[in-house]
Structures are given as C-alpha cells and as structure tokens.
Amino acid sequence: MADGTTPPPGSTSVAQGQLRSFVERIERLEEEKAALSADIKEVYAEAKGNGFDTKVLRKVISIRKKDDAERQEEEAMLELYLHALGMIG
C-alpha cells in the first residue's frame, strides 16, 4: 500500500475489481459522450444547411445555459467595456 503497510489478504483483488469496474464505466460513458457529440455535430450541420449561422446558434445555446442574473451581469459588463472602447454610443 502507499503508506507502507501490507494490505489485508484478498483486498488487492477487491481493489483490482473496483478499479476495473471504474475503468469500464468510464470507457462506456466516453463512448456515449462521443456518440452524443456526433449527434450534436449533425444537428449543427443540419441547421447550417437550413441557413442558420452556427456560431450564433452556439452563442444562443451558451446564453440559454445561464440564469437571468448571470446573463444580465455579463451583458452589462460587455456594454460597459464596449462603451469604454468607444464601440457604442
């Protein structure tokens, strides 16, 4: 063990079994994540094929994830910065 003690008999096989279980679960989830990413990519491609701007669509998705207070604060800071740079009146 990491602390220099000897593990109890049988605990190594239990730890190996747990480790294998974690690794297999993570691998399964990574496969699912890859499949979902491919599905999302297809939806963006479909939207683009229908004339939508995917950069703007991604921004809309990002904004919708935020709660109202967070979104309003971010918009206020953006307006302040743009005003300070003379980009808005």
Protein backbone atom coordinates (compact mmCIF):
# COMPACT_ATOMS: atom_id res chain seq x y z
CA MET A 1 0.00 0.00 0.00
CA ALA A 2 1.03 3.63 -0.40
CA ASP A 3 1.54 4.06 3.34
CA GLY A 4 3.94 1.10 3.54
CA THR A 5 1.53 -1.28 5.25
CA THR A 6 0.66 -4.67 3.90
CA PRO A 7 -2.88 -4.91 2.52
CA PRO A 8 -5.18 -7.46 4.13
CA PRO A 9 -5.47 -10.76 2.25
CA GLY A 10 -7.95 -10.53 -0.61
CA SER A 11 -8.10 -6.72 -0.57
CA THR A 12 -5.85 -6.45 -3.60
CA SER A 13 -8.28 -8.46 -5.70
CA VAL A 14 -11.17 -6.34 -4.39
CA ALA A 15 -9.29 -3.14 -5.27
CA GLN A 16 -8.44 -4.54 -8.71
CA GLY A 17 -12.10 -5.41 -9.25
CA GLN A 18 -13.19 -1.92 -8.23
CA LEU A 19 -10.55 -0.36 -10.45
CA ARG A 20 -11.63 -2.48 -13.42
CA SER A 21 -15.26 -1.52 -12.76
CA PHE A 22 -14.44 2.20 -12.68
CA VAL A 23 -12.37 1.97 -15.85
CA GLU A 24 -15.08 0.06 -17.71
CA ARG A 25 -17.78 2.51 -16.60
CA ILE A 26 -15.66 5.48 -17.69
CA GLU A 27 -14.95 3.84 -21.04
CA ARG A 28 -18.66 3.21 -21.58
CA LEU A 29 -19.51 6.82 -20.71
CA GLU A 30 -16.76 8.11 -23.02
CA GLU A 31 -18.30 6.08 -25.85
CA GLU A 32 -21.72 7.56 -25.09
CA LYS A 33 -20.21 11.05 -24.95
CA ALA A 34 -18.58 10.54 -28.36
CA ALA A 35 -21.90 9.37 -29.82
CA LEU A 36 -23.70 12.40 -28.36
CA SER A 37 -21.02 14.74 -29.71
CA ALA A 38 -21.50 13.24 -33.17
CA ASP A 39 -25.28 13.72 -32.86
CA ILE A 40 -24.84 17.37 -31.82
CA LYS A 41 -22.46 17.94 -34.74
CA GLU A 42 -25.10 16.54 -37.10
CA VAL A 43 -27.75 18.89 -35.71
CA TYR A 44 -25.45 21.89 -36.22
CA ALA A 45 -24.76 20.72 -39.78
CA GLU A 46 -28.50 20.42 -40.39
CA ALA A 47 -29.08 23.90 -39.00
CA LYS A 48 -26.30 25.27 -41.22
CA GLY A 49 -27.84 23.50 -44.22
CA ASN A 50 -31.07 25.35 -43.45
CA GLY A 51 -29.32 28.72 -43.49
CA PHE A 52 -28.66 29.26 -39.79
CA ASP A 53 -25.35 30.71 -38.58
CA THR A 54 -23.84 28.03 -36.36
CA LYS A 55 -21.57 30.47 -34.48
CA VAL A 56 -24.60 32.49 -33.45
CA LEU A 57 -26.53 29.31 -32.68
CA ARG A 58 -23.72 28.16 -30.36
CA LYS A 59 -23.83 31.56 -28.63
CA VAL A 60 -27.60 31.23 -28.16
CA ILE A 61 -27.09 27.78 -26.59
CA SER A 62 -24.43 29.24 -24.28
CA ILE A 63 -26.68 32.12 -23.22
CA ARG A 64 -29.64 29.81 -22.53
CA LYS A 65 -27.48 27.80 -20.08
CA LYS A 66 -27.07 30.86 -17.84
CA ASP A 67 -29.59 32.08 -15.32
CA ASP A 68 -31.10 35.55 -15.83
CA ALA A 69 -28.93 37.29 -13.23
CA GLU A 70 -25.69 35.87 -14.63
CA ARG A 71 -26.72 36.74 -18.19
CA GLN A 72 -27.74 40.31 -17.26
CA GLU A 73 -24.49 40.88 -15.37
CA GLU A 74 -22.46 39.63 -18.33
CA GLU A 75 -24.42 41.82 -20.77
CA ALA A 76 -23.93 44.87 -18.53
CA MET A 77 -20.17 44.28 -18.35
CA LEU A 78 -19.98 43.79 -22.11
CA GLU A 79 -21.86 47.06 -22.69
CA LEU A 80 -19.56 48.85 -20.22
CA TYR A 81 -16.43 47.54 -21.97
CA LEU A 82 -17.75 48.37 -25.44
CA HIS A 83 -18.70 51.87 -24.30
CA ALA A 84 -15.23 52.36 -22.75
CA LEU A 85 -13.66 51.38 -26.07
CA GLY A 86 -15.90 53.79 -27.97
CA MET A 87 -17.61 50.96 -29.83
CA ILE A 88 -21.13 52.03 -28.75
CA GLY A 89 -22.62 55.46 -28.08
